[in-house]
C-alpha atoms as a PDB file:
ATOM      1  CA  PRO A   1      -0.079   0.042   0.119  1.00  0.00           C
ATOM      2  CA  ILE A   2       1.132   3.666  -0.904  1.00  0.00           C
ATOM      3  CA  HIS A   3       0.166   6.087   1.826  1.00  0.00           C
ATOM      4  CA  ARG A   4       1.844   9.054   0.328  1.00  0.00           C
ATOM      5  CA  THR A   5      -0.076  11.355  -1.665  1.00  0.00           C
ATOM      6  CA  PHE A   6       1.048  12.774  -5.067  1.00  0.00           C
ATOM      7  CA  SER A   7       0.021  16.178  -6.350  1.00  0.00           C
ATOM      8  CA  PRO A   8      -1.788  16.052  -9.822  1.00  0.00           C
ATOM      9  CA  THR A   9      -0.527  19.570 -10.420  1.00  0.00           C
ATOM     10  CA  PRO A  10       3.138  19.681  -9.504  1.00  0.00           C
ATOM     11  CA  PHE A  11       4.075  22.833 -11.363  1.00  0.00           C
ATOM     12  CA  LEU A  12       1.497  24.939  -9.187  1.00  0.00           C
ATOM     13  CA  PRO A  13       2.590  26.189  -5.937  1.00  0.00           C
ATOM     14  CA  LYS A  14       1.217  25.505  -2.517  1.00  0.00           C
ATOM     15  CA  GLN A  15      -1.449  27.613  -1.507  1.00  0.00           C
ATOM     16  CA  HIS A  16       0.536  29.602   1.107  1.00  0.00           C
ATOM     17  CA  GLU A  17       3.365  30.147  -1.389  1.00  0.00           C
ATOM     18  CA  GLU A  18       1.018  31.243  -4.289  1.00  0.00           C
ATOM     19  CA  ASP A  19       1.677  35.006  -4.332  1.00  0.00           C
ATOM     20  CA  GLN A  20       5.362  34.665  -4.091  1.00  0.00           C
ATOM     21  CA  TYR A  21       5.712  31.835  -6.646  1.00  0.00           C
ATOM     22  CA  CYS A  22       3.626  33.870  -9.149  1.00  0.00           C
ATOM     23  CA  LEU A  23       5.584  37.017  -8.484  1.00  0.00           C
ATOM     24  CA  ASP A  24       8.862  35.116  -8.889  1.00  0.00           C
ATOM     25  CA  THR A  25       7.805  33.675 -12.219  1.00  0.00           C
ATOM     26  CA  PHE A  26       6.329  36.851 -13.695  1.00  0.00           C
ATOM     27  CA  SER A  27       9.488  38.670 -12.557  1.00  0.00           C
ATOM     28  CA  ILE A  28      11.837  36.506 -14.107  1.00  0.00           C
ATOM     29  CA  GLN A  29       9.949  36.724 -17.392  1.00  0.00           C
ATOM     30  CA  THR A  30       9.675  40.582 -17.392  1.00  0.00           C
ATOM     31  CA  SER A  31      13.289  41.086 -16.292  1.00  0.00           C
ATOM     32  CA  ALA A  32      14.606  38.731 -18.727  1.00  0.00           C
ATOM     33  CA  LEU A  33      12.542  40.591 -21.644  1.00  0.00           C
ATOM     34  CA  ALA A  34      13.824  43.813 -20.334  1.00  0.00           C
ATOM     35  CA  ARG A  35      17.546  42.686 -20.816  1.00  0.00           C
ATOM     36  CA  ARG A  36      16.848  41.511 -24.269  1.00  0.00           C
ATOM     37  CA  TRP A  37      14.819  44.823 -25.128  1.00  0.00           C
ATOM     38  CA  GLU A  38      17.645  46.746 -24.008  1.00  0.00           C
ATOM     39  CA  HIS A  39      20.355  44.625 -25.511  1.00  0.00           C
ATOM     40  CA  THR A  40      18.887  44.603 -28.991  1.00  0.00           C
ATOM     41  CA  HIS A  41      18.115  48.533 -29.040  1.00  0.00           C
ATOM     42  CA  ALA A  42      14.764  47.490 -30.543  1.00  0.00           C
ATOM     43  CA  GLU A  43      12.186  50.238 -30.916  1.00  0.00           C
ATOM     44  CA  THR A  44       9.160  48.199 -30.495  1.00  0.00           C
ATOM     45  CA  LEU A  45       7.919  44.940 -29.479  1.00  0.00           C
ATOM     46  CA  GLU A  46       5.581  42.845 -31.997  1.00  0.00           C
ATOM     47  CA  ILE A  47       3.128  40.226 -30.779  1.00  0.00           C
ATOM     48  CA  GLY A  48       0.300  38.416 -32.264  1.00  0.00           C
ATOM     49  CA  ILE A  49      -2.616  38.631 -30.027  1.00  0.00           C
ATOM     50  CA  SER A  50      -5.292  35.740 -30.234  1.00  0.00           C
ATOM     51  CA  GLY A  51      -7.308  36.171 -27.293  1.00  0.00           C
ATOM     52  CA  GLY A  52      -6.010  32.857 -25.965  1.00  0.00           C
ATOM     53  CA  LEU A  53      -3.879  32.041 -22.874  1.00  0.00           C
ATOM     54  CA  ASP A  54      -0.444  32.147 -24.497  1.00  0.00           C
ATOM     55  CA  SER A  55      -0.670  35.396 -26.033  1.00  0.00           C
ATOM     56  CA  THR A  56      -2.378  36.958 -23.095  1.00  0.00           C
ATOM     57  CA  LEU A  57       0.200  36.195 -20.970  1.00  0.00           C
ATOM     58  CA  ALA A  58       3.050  37.244 -23.416  1.00  0.00           C
ATOM     59  CA  LEU A  59       1.171  40.467 -23.690  1.00  0.00           C
ATOM     60  CA  LEU A  60       0.981  41.076 -19.909  1.00  0.00           C
ATOM     61  CA  VAL A  61       4.809  40.528 -19.704  1.00  0.00           C
ATOM     62  CA  CYS A  62       5.386  43.008 -22.524  1.00  0.00           C
ATOM     63  CA  VAL A  63       3.354  45.554 -20.772  1.00  0.00           C
ATOM     64  CA  GLN A  64       4.904  45.033 -17.225  1.00  0.00           C
ATOM     65  CA  THR A  65       8.369  45.288 -18.878  1.00  0.00           C
ATOM     66  CA  ALA A  66       7.581  48.408 -20.679  1.00  0.00           C
ATOM     67  CA  ASP A  67       6.269  50.038 -17.529  1.00  0.00           C
ATOM     68  CA  MET A  68       9.562  48.779 -15.599  1.00  0.00           C
ATOM     69  CA  LEU A  69      11.685  50.265 -18.199  1.00  0.00           C
ATOM     70  CA  GLY A  70       9.761  53.582 -18.488  1.00  0.00           C
ATOM     71  CA  ILE A  71       8.812  52.779 -22.150  1.00  0.00           C
ATOM     72  CA  ASP A  72       5.429  54.076 -23.368  1.00  0.00           C
ATOM     73  CA  ARG A  73       2.962  51.117 -23.816  1.00  0.00           C
ATOM     74  CA  SER A  74       2.339  52.451 -27.463  1.00  0.00           C
ATOM     75  CA  ARG A  75       5.625  50.762 -28.582  1.00  0.00           C
ATOM     76  CA  ILE A  76       4.096  47.299 -27.881  1.00  0.00           C
ATOM     77  CA  VAL A  77       2.395  46.502 -31.215  1.00  0.00           C
ATOM     78  CA  GLY A  78      -0.353  43.947 -30.854  1.00  0.00           C
ATOM     79  CA  VAL A  79      -1.520  42.376 -34.030  1.00  0.00           C
ATOM     80  CA  THR A  80      -4.734  40.437 -34.444  1.00  0.00           C
ATOM     81  CA  MET A  81      -4.844  38.263 -37.535  1.00  0.00           C
ATOM     82  CA  PRO A  82      -8.317  36.809 -37.957  1.00  0.00           C
ATOM     83  CA  GLY A  83      -8.272  33.658 -39.948  1.00  0.00           C
ATOM     84  CA  PHE A  84     -10.716  30.692 -40.960  1.00  0.00           C
ATOM     85  CA  GLY A  85     -11.240  29.504 -37.394  1.00  0.00           C
ATOM     86  CA  THR A  86     -11.194  32.832 -35.374  1.00  0.00           C
ATOM     87  CA  SER A  87     -14.253  32.703 -32.880  1.00  0.00           C
ATOM     88  CA  ASP A  88     -16.242  35.822 -31.780  1.00  0.00           C
ATOM     89  CA  ARG A  89     -15.250  35.285 -28.089  1.00  0.00           C
ATOM     90  CA  THR A  90     -11.261  35.278 -28.565  1.00  0.00           C
ATOM     91  CA  TYR A  91     -11.473  37.961 -31.147  1.00  0.00           C
ATOM     92  CA  GLN A  92     -13.371  40.476 -28.874  1.00  0.00           C
ATOM     93  CA  ASN A  93     -11.259  39.420 -25.771  1.00  0.00           C
ATOM     94  CA  ALA A  94      -8.011  40.341 -27.728  1.00  0.00           C
ATOM     95  CA  LEU A  95      -9.392  43.705 -28.824  1.00  0.00           C
ATOM     96  CA  GLN A  96     -10.749  44.503 -25.288  1.00  0.00           C
ATOM     97  CA  LEU A  97      -7.510  43.539 -23.631  1.00  0.00           C
ATOM     98  CA  MET A  98      -5.346  45.529 -25.877  1.00  0.00           C
ATOM     99  CA  GLU A  99      -7.628  48.753 -25.540  1.00  0.00           C
ATOM    100  CA  GLU A 100      -7.605  48.454 -21.695  1.00  0.00           C
ATOM    101  CA  LEU A 101      -3.816  47.853 -21.665  1.00  0.00           C
ATOM    102  CA  GLY A 102      -3.193  50.847 -23.936  1.00  0.00           C
ATOM    103  CA  VAL A 103      -1.066  49.227 -26.494  1.00  0.00           C
ATOM    104  CA  THR A 104      -0.825  49.983 -30.371  1.00  0.00           C
ATOM    105  CA  HIS A 105      -3.311  47.762 -32.239  1.00  0.00           C
ATOM    106  CA  ARG A 106      -2.794  46.530 -35.957  1.00  0.00           C
ATOM    107  CA  GLU A 107      -5.363  43.989 -37.558  1.00  0.00           C
ATOM    108  CA  ILE A 108      -4.306  42.239 -40.697  1.00  0.00           C
ATOM    109  CA  SER A 109      -6.793  39.360 -41.868  1.00  0.00           C
ATOM    110  CA  ILE A 110      -4.955  36.231 -43.169  1.00  0.00           C
ATOM    111  CA  CYS A 111      -7.971  34.670 -45.005  1.00  0.00           C
ATOM    112  CA  GLU A 112      -7.511  35.968 -48.446  1.00  0.00           C
ATOM    113  CA  VAL A 113      -3.643  35.543 -48.621  1.00  0.00           C
ATOM    114  CA  THR A 114      -3.898  32.161 -47.189  1.00  0.00           C
ATOM    115  CA  THR A 115      -6.603  31.253 -49.579  1.00  0.00           C
ATOM    116  CA  GLN A 116      -4.331  32.381 -52.476  1.00  0.00           C
ATOM    117  CA  HIS A 117      -1.509  30.356 -51.089  1.00  0.00           C
ATOM    118  CA  LEU A 118      -3.380  27.169 -50.903  1.00  0.00           C
ATOM    119  CA  ASN A 119      -4.783  27.717 -54.337  1.00  0.00           C
ATOM    120  CA  ASP A 120      -1.137  28.408 -55.546  1.00  0.00           C
ATOM    121  CA  ILE A 121      -0.119  24.942 -54.281  1.00  0.00           C
ATOM    122  CA  ALA A 122      -3.267  23.323 -55.502  1.00  0.00           C
ATOM    123  CA  HIS A 123      -4.556  22.275 -52.092  1.00  0.00           C
ATOM    124  CA  ASN A 124      -8.308  21.908 -51.507  1.00  0.00           C
ATOM    125  CA  MET A 125      -9.797  24.442 -49.420  1.00  0.00           C
ATOM    126  CA  ASP A 126     -12.406  21.884 -48.088  1.00  0.00           C
ATOM    127  CA  ILE A 127      -9.603  19.584 -46.673  1.00  0.00           C
ATOM    128  CA  HIS A 128      -8.663  20.936 -43.210  1.00  0.00           C
ATOM    129  CA  ASP A 129      -5.506  18.919 -42.748  1.00  0.00           C
ATOM    130  CA  ALA A 130      -2.104  19.970 -41.456  1.00  0.00           C
ATOM    131  CA  THR A 131      -1.326  21.812 -44.721  1.00  0.00           C
ATOM    132  CA  TYR A 132      -4.399  24.003 -44.154  1.00  0.00           C
ATOM    133  CA  GLU A 133      -3.645  24.666 -40.502  1.00  0.00           C
ATOM    134  CA  ASN A 134       0.028  25.321 -40.941  1.00  0.00           C
ATOM    135  CA  ALA A 135      -0.480  27.488 -43.781  1.00  0.00           C
ATOM    136  CA  GLN A 136      -2.252  29.940 -41.510  1.00  0.00           C
ATOM    137  CA  ALA A 137       0.319  29.739 -38.688  1.00  0.00           C
ATOM    138  CA  ARG A 138       3.217  30.347 -41.027  1.00  0.00           C
ATOM    139  CA  GLU A 139       1.395  33.345 -42.590  1.00  0.00           C
ATOM    140  CA  ARG A 140       0.917  34.908 -39.256  1.00  0.00           C
ATOM    141  CA  THR A 141       4.504  34.471 -38.355  1.00  0.00           C
ATOM    142  CA  GLN A 142       5.613  36.062 -41.710  1.00  0.00           C
ATOM    143  CA  ILE A 143       3.452  39.118 -41.133  1.00  0.00           C
ATOM    144  CA  LEU A 144       4.726  39.676 -37.441  1.00  0.00           C
ATOM    145  CA  MET A 145       8.327  39.290 -38.652  1.00  0.00           C
ATOM    146  CA  ASP A 146       7.814  41.933 -41.590  1.00  0.00           C
ATOM    147  CA  ILE A 147       6.055  44.259 -39.206  1.00  0.00           C
ATOM    148  CA  ALA A 148       8.952  44.021 -36.667  1.00  0.00           C
ATOM    149  CA  ASN A 149      11.300  44.890 -39.681  1.00  0.00           C
ATOM    150  CA  GLN A 150       9.265  47.923 -40.498  1.00  0.00           C
ATOM    151  CA  HIS A 151       9.441  49.204 -36.886  1.00  0.00           C
ATOM    152  CA  ASN A 152      13.043  47.923 -36.036  1.00  0.00           C
ATOM    153  CA  GLY A 153      11.223  45.802 -33.538  1.00  0.00           C
ATOM    154  CA  ILE A 154      11.493  42.237 -32.333  1.00  0.00           C
ATOM    155  CA  VAL A 155       8.787  39.363 -32.467  1.00  0.00           C
ATOM    156  CA  ILE A 156       7.787  38.165 -29.041  1.00  0.00           C
ATOM    157  CA  GLY A 157       7.028  34.568 -29.023  1.00  0.00           C
ATOM    158  CA  THR A 158       4.040  33.188 -27.046  1.00  0.00           C
ATOM    159  CA  GLY A 159       4.393  29.445 -26.986  1.00  0.00           C
ATOM    160  CA  ASP A 160       4.562  27.535 -23.697  1.00  0.00           C
ATOM    161  CA  MET A 161       6.546  24.715 -22.242  1.00  0.00           C
ATOM    162  CA  SER A 162       3.682  22.245 -22.397  1.00  0.00           C
ATOM    163  CA  GLU A 163       3.186  22.893 -26.244  1.00  0.00           C
ATOM    164  CA  LEU A 164       6.869  22.675 -26.939  1.00  0.00           C
ATOM    165  CA  ALA A 165       6.954  19.393 -24.960  1.00  0.00           C
ATOM    166  CA  LEU A 166       4.245  17.987 -27.252  1.00  0.00           C
ATOM    167  CA  GLY A 167       5.654  19.647 -30.377  1.00  0.00           C
ATOM    168  CA  TRP A 168       2.103  21.427 -30.662  1.00  0.00           C
ATOM    169  CA  ALA A 169       3.476  24.264 -32.635  1.00  0.00           C
ATOM    170  CA  THR A 170       3.793  24.623 -36.464  1.00  0.00           C
ATOM    171  CA  TYR A 171       7.390  24.259 -37.370  1.00  0.00           C
ATOM    172  CA  ASN A 172       8.663  27.809 -38.603  1.00  0.00           C
ATOM    173  CA  GLY A 173       5.345  29.122 -37.765  1.00  0.00           C
ATOM    174  CA  ASP A 174       4.182  30.046 -34.201  1.00  0.00           C
ATOM    175  CA  HIS A 175       7.296  27.931 -33.244  1.00  0.00           C
ATOM    176  CA  MET A 176       9.486  30.896 -34.342  1.00  0.00           C
ATOM    177  CA  SER A 177      10.005  34.310 -32.827  1.00  0.00           C
ATOM    178  CA  MET A 178      12.807  36.540 -31.846  1.00  0.00           C
ATOM    179  CA  TYR A 179      12.200  35.860 -27.988  1.00  0.00           C
ATOM    180  CA  GLY A 180       9.939  33.382 -26.525  1.00  0.00           C
ATOM    181  CA  VAL A 181       8.895  34.830 -23.112  1.00  0.00           C
ATOM    182  CA  ASN A 182       6.615  31.664 -22.279  1.00  0.00           C
ATOM    183  CA  ALA A 183       8.934  28.841 -23.066  1.00  0.00           C
ATOM    184  CA  SER A 184       9.459  27.708 -19.529  1.00  0.00           C
ATOM    185  CA  VAL A 185       5.812  28.317 -18.281  1.00  0.00           C
ATOM    186  CA  PRO A 186       3.659  25.056 -18.446  1.00  0.00           C
ATOM    187  CA  LYS A 187       0.077  25.379 -19.544  1.00  0.00           C
ATOM    188  CA  THR A 188      -1.325  24.625 -16.108  1.00  0.00           C
ATOM    189  CA  LEU A 189       0.868  27.396 -14.575  1.00  0.00           C
ATOM    190  CA  MET A 190      -0.118  29.891 -17.222  1.00  0.00           C
ATOM    191  CA  GLN A 191      -3.721  29.671 -16.248  1.00  0.00           C
ATOM    192  CA  HIS A 192      -2.716  30.226 -12.713  1.00  0.00           C
ATOM    193  CA  LEU A 193      -0.344  33.143 -13.501  1.00  0.00           C
ATOM    194  CA  ILE A 194      -2.990  35.140 -15.344  1.00  0.00           C
ATOM    195  CA  ARG A 195      -5.754  34.612 -12.560  1.00  0.00           C
ATOM    196  CA  TRP A 196      -2.759  36.094 -10.374  1.00  0.00           C
ATOM    197  CA  VAL A 197      -2.285  39.076 -12.568  1.00  0.00           C
ATOM    198  CA  ALA A 198      -6.188  39.596 -12.731  1.00  0.00           C
ATOM    199  CA  LYS A 199      -6.146  39.883  -8.860  1.00  0.00           C
ATOM    200  CA  GLU A 200      -3.063  41.573  -8.252  1.00  0.00           C
ATOM    201  CA  LYS A 201      -2.299  43.917 -11.225  1.00  0.00           C
ATOM    202  CA  GLY A 202      -5.619  44.581 -13.109  1.00  0.00           C
ATOM    203  CA  ASN A 203      -8.565  46.793 -12.630  1.00  0.00           C
ATOM    204  CA  GLU A 204     -11.936  45.378 -12.640  1.00  0.00           C
ATOM    205  CA  GLN A 205     -12.430  45.592 -16.209  1.00  0.00           C
ATOM    206  CA  ILE A 206      -9.077  44.239 -17.137  1.00  0.00           C
ATOM    207  CA  ALA A 207      -9.533  41.477 -14.495  1.00  0.00           C
ATOM    208  CA  LYS A 208     -13.011  40.609 -16.108  1.00  0.00           C
ATOM    209  CA  THR A 209     -11.387  40.148 -19.390  1.00  0.00           C
ATOM    210  CA  LEU A 210      -8.465  37.997 -18.254  1.00  0.00           C
ATOM    211  CA  LEU A 211     -10.716  35.652 -16.309  1.00  0.00           C
ATOM    212  CA  ASP A 212     -12.871  35.043 -19.369  1.00  0.00           C
ATOM    213  CA  ILE A 213      -9.684  34.341 -21.448  1.00  0.00           C
ATOM    214  CA  VAL A 214      -8.684  31.569 -18.814  1.00  0.00           C
ATOM    215  CA  GLY A 215     -12.343  30.260 -19.123  1.00  0.00           C
ATOM    216  CA  THR A 216     -12.190  29.981 -23.033  1.00  0.00           C
ATOM    217  CA  PRO A 217     -11.438  26.513 -24.244  1.00  0.00           C
ATOM    218  CA  ILE A 218      -7.938  26.196 -25.472  1.00  0.00           C
ATOM    219  CA  SER A 219      -7.731  26.118 -29.326  1.00  0.00           C
ATOM    220  CA  PRO A 220      -5.354  26.847 -32.158  1.00  0.00           C
ATOM    221  CA  GLU A 221      -8.609  28.103 -34.099  1.00  0.00           C
ATOM    222  CA  LEU A 222      -7.205  26.973 -37.330  1.00  0.00           C
ATOM    223  CA  THR A 223     -10.338  25.244 -38.538  1.00  0.00           C
ATOM    224  CA  PRO A 224     -13.749  27.058 -39.202  1.00  0.00           C
ATOM    225  CA  ALA A 225     -15.819  27.701 -35.947  1.00  0.00           C
ATOM    226  CA  ASP A 226     -19.348  26.421 -35.694  1.00  0.00           C
ATOM    227  CA  GLU A 227     -22.360  28.089 -37.213  1.00  0.00           C
ATOM    228  CA  LYS A 228     -22.749  30.308 -34.097  1.00  0.00           C
ATOM    229  CA  GLY A 229     -19.213  31.435 -34.174  1.00  0.00           C
ATOM    230  CA  ASN A 230     -17.896  29.219 -31.287  1.00  0.00           C
ATOM    231  CA  ILE A 231     -14.828  27.355 -31.135  1.00  0.00           C
ATOM    232  CA  LYS A 232     -14.953  23.856 -32.739  1.00  0.00           C
ATOM    233  CA  GLN A 233     -11.446  22.774 -32.461  1.00  0.00           C
ATOM    234  CA  LYS A 234     -10.401  21.961 -29.049  1.00  0.00           C
ATOM    235  CA  THR A 235      -6.672  21.135 -28.260  1.00  0.00           C
ATOM    236  CA  GLU A 236      -7.444  18.921 -25.511  1.00  0.00           C
ATOM    237  CA  ASP A 237      -9.578  16.902 -27.493  1.00  0.00           C
ATOM    238  CA  LEU A 238      -6.832  16.292 -29.742  1.00  0.00           C
ATOM    239  CA  VAL A 239      -3.685  15.788 -27.677  1.00  0.00           C
ATOM    240  CA  GLY A 240      -5.173  15.177 -24.439  1.00  0.00           C
ATOM    241  CA  PRO A 241      -5.765  17.082 -20.948  1.00  0.00           C
ATOM    242  CA  TYR A 242      -2.726  19.488 -20.360  1.00  0.00           C
ATOM    243  CA  GLU A 243      -3.155  18.576 -16.582  1.00  0.00           C
ATOM    244  CA  LEU A 244      -2.146  14.978 -17.393  1.00  0.00           C
ATOM    245  CA  HIS A 245       0.511  16.180 -19.752  1.00  0.00           C
ATOM    246  CA  ASP A 246       2.145  18.615 -17.438  1.00  0.00           C
ATOM    247  CA  PHE A 247       2.056  15.876 -14.712  1.00  0.00           C
ATOM    248  CA  PHE A 248       3.811  13.450 -17.187  1.00  0.00           C
ATOM    249  CA  LEU A 249       6.371  16.254 -18.181  1.00  0.00           C
ATOM    250  CA  TYR A 250       7.115  17.032 -14.612  1.00  0.00           C
ATOM    251  CA  ASN A 251       8.035  13.663 -13.662  1.00  0.00           C
ATOM    252  CA  PHE A 252       9.912  12.748 -16.784  1.00  0.00           C
ATOM    253  CA  VAL A 253      12.022  15.982 -17.334  1.00  0.00           C
ATOM    254  CA  CYS A 254      12.484  17.019 -13.533  1.00  0.00           C
ATOM    255  CA  ASN A 255      12.528  13.726 -11.878  1.00  0.00           C
ATOM    256  CA  GLY A 256      13.764  11.387 -14.628  1.00  0.00           C
ATOM    257  CA  PHE A 257      11.166   8.750 -13.968  1.00  0.00           C
ATOM    258  CA  SER A 258      10.375   5.828 -16.397  1.00  0.00           C
ATOM    259  CA  PRO A 259       7.003   5.683 -18.109  1.00  0.00           C
ATOM    260  CA  GLU A 260       6.104   2.845 -16.072  1.00  0.00           C
ATOM    261  CA  LYS A 261       6.661   4.727 -12.861  1.00  0.00           C
ATOM    262  CA  ILE A 262       4.855   7.767 -14.117  1.00  0.00           C
ATOM    263  CA  PHE A 263       1.919   5.559 -14.962  1.00  0.00           C
ATOM    264  CA  PHE A 264       2.065   4.248 -11.535  1.00  0.00           C
ATOM    265  CA  LEU A 265       2.078   7.690  -9.859  1.00  0.00           C
ATOM    266  CA  ALA A 266      -0.557   9.152 -12.280  1.00  0.00           C
ATOM    267  CA  GLN A 267      -2.956   6.381 -11.102  1.00  0.00           C
ATOM    268  CA  LYS A 268      -2.482   7.583  -7.694  1.00  0.00           C
ATOM    269  CA  ALA A 269      -2.608  11.336  -8.254  1.00  0.00           C
ATOM    270  CA  PHE A 270      -5.591  11.129 -10.677  1.00  0.00           C
ATOM    271  CA  ASN A 271      -7.669   8.274  -8.856  1.00  0.00           C
ATOM    272  CA  GLY A 272     -11.239   8.851  -9.764  1.00  0.00           C
ATOM    273  CA  ALA A 273     -10.550  11.800 -12.238  1.00  0.00           C
ATOM    274  CA  TYR A 274      -9.244   9.536 -15.180  1.00  0.00           C
ATOM    275  CA  SER A 275      -9.478   5.700 -15.809  1.00  0.00           C
ATOM    276  CA  ASN A 276      -6.320   3.873 -16.043  1.00  0.00           C
ATOM    277  CA  ASP A 277      -7.026   3.251 -19.980  1.00  0.00           C
ATOM    278  CA  THR A 278      -7.284   7.040 -20.316  1.00  0.00           C
ATOM    279  CA  ILE A 279      -4.083   7.819 -18.513  1.00  0.00           C
ATOM    280  CA  LYS A 280      -2.297   5.096 -20.500  1.00  0.00           C
ATOM    281  CA  LYS A 281      -3.583   6.579 -23.645  1.00  0.00           C
ATOM    282  CA  TRP A 282      -2.294  10.071 -22.955  1.00  0.00           C
ATOM    283  CA  LEU A 283       0.936   8.955 -21.485  1.00  0.00           C
ATOM    284  CA  SER A 284       1.695   7.168 -24.805  1.00  0.00           C
ATOM    285  CA  THR A 285       0.727  10.126 -26.731  1.00  0.00           C
ATOM    286  CA  PHE A 286       2.934  12.229 -24.645  1.00  0.00           C
ATOM    287  CA  PHE A 287       6.018  10.036 -25.074  1.00  0.00           C
ATOM    288  CA  TRP A 288       5.350   9.586 -28.715  1.00  0.00           C
ATOM    289  CA  ARG A 289       5.223  13.410 -29.286  1.00  0.00           C
ATOM    290  CA  PHE A 290       7.823  14.209 -27.010  1.00  0.00           C
ATOM    291  CA  THR A 291      10.449  12.144 -28.594  1.00  0.00           C
ATOM    292  CA  THR A 292       9.338  12.712 -32.503  1.00  0.00           C
ATOM    293  CA  GLN A 293       9.086  16.401 -32.102  1.00  0.00           C
ATOM    294  CA  GLN A 294      12.559  17.056 -30.682  1.00  0.00           C
ATOM    295  CA  PHE A 295      13.482  18.627 -34.109  1.00  0.00           C
ATOM    296  CA  LYS A 296      11.453  21.708 -33.094  1.00  0.00           C
ATOM    297  CA  ARG A 297      13.044  22.188 -29.732  1.00  0.00           C
ATOM    298  CA  SER A 298      16.576  22.040 -31.360  1.00  0.00           C
ATOM    299  CA  CYS A 299      16.148  25.244 -33.317  1.00  0.00           C
ATOM    300  CA  MET A 300      13.999  27.402 -30.781  1.00  0.00           C
ATOM    301  CA  PRO A 301      14.553  31.170 -30.166  1.00  0.00           C
ATOM    302  CA  ASP A 302      15.949  32.212 -26.890  1.00  0.00           C
ATOM    303  CA  GLY A 303      13.597  32.727 -23.829  1.00  0.00           C
ATOM    304  CA  PRO A 304      13.992  33.133 -19.791  1.00  0.00           C
ATOM    305  CA  ARG A 305      14.165  30.052 -17.829  1.00  0.00           C
ATOM    306  CA  THR A 306      11.779  30.097 -15.045  1.00  0.00           C
END
């Protein structure tokens, strides 16, 4: 019999340590970006804003960094790039957040140019496969890079550690930037951090927007929304629950445990929440993706280590 208990959220702080833990993590991100901003002598920061978790935390880091350096927030350029799967909820949250934070906003739709590209390579627009999805991600990255060149700026990457572990990023698309501020932040901690910022650093309206973003289903939004404009493509339906993957990631990378031991621990930690078959299914997915997607992590942009 095992009498010890195992936390299902090993990346999250204990309740009495929450404020200091979140402050430390957020401070590492902002101070690291501040050093990079000063070192590159960039005039602006360019960041794609989708209304999702990753870009939201990255934008909050950019804003805090600008305030710390005494730089006007208008030198942060948030770019919305509506595509085939952009939902009304994420789009409105993106606009609302940028307005509330006082950053510069640009909007460039990728629908027409991506349609042209897919027609150029003779890809059927009705086939919503990896080609269809990745073409959108790469188009968005190209736009951000070119805008950064226009303004002598740097592109801030938004991808988090959980996505990088799974390879859940388009190679040379959202996988690429000039500095990735979220690269060491797992998805479960990201939700926690945004809630903390909403409580500690936001006014009532900003907090309301941030909490709605945390409550939005996680999605790359690369396939069309439903007839009501709601998100249809949900990441956790495709790759599995992030709380499971973060548990696997922590025990594999931080503790060096074997798949067999991780499976055993997950059974204890998630007893009653997931069946053994479900845990085994997503554990197999984790190790398959972690090993096959190493090539993406081999050529990543710099980022802070938290």
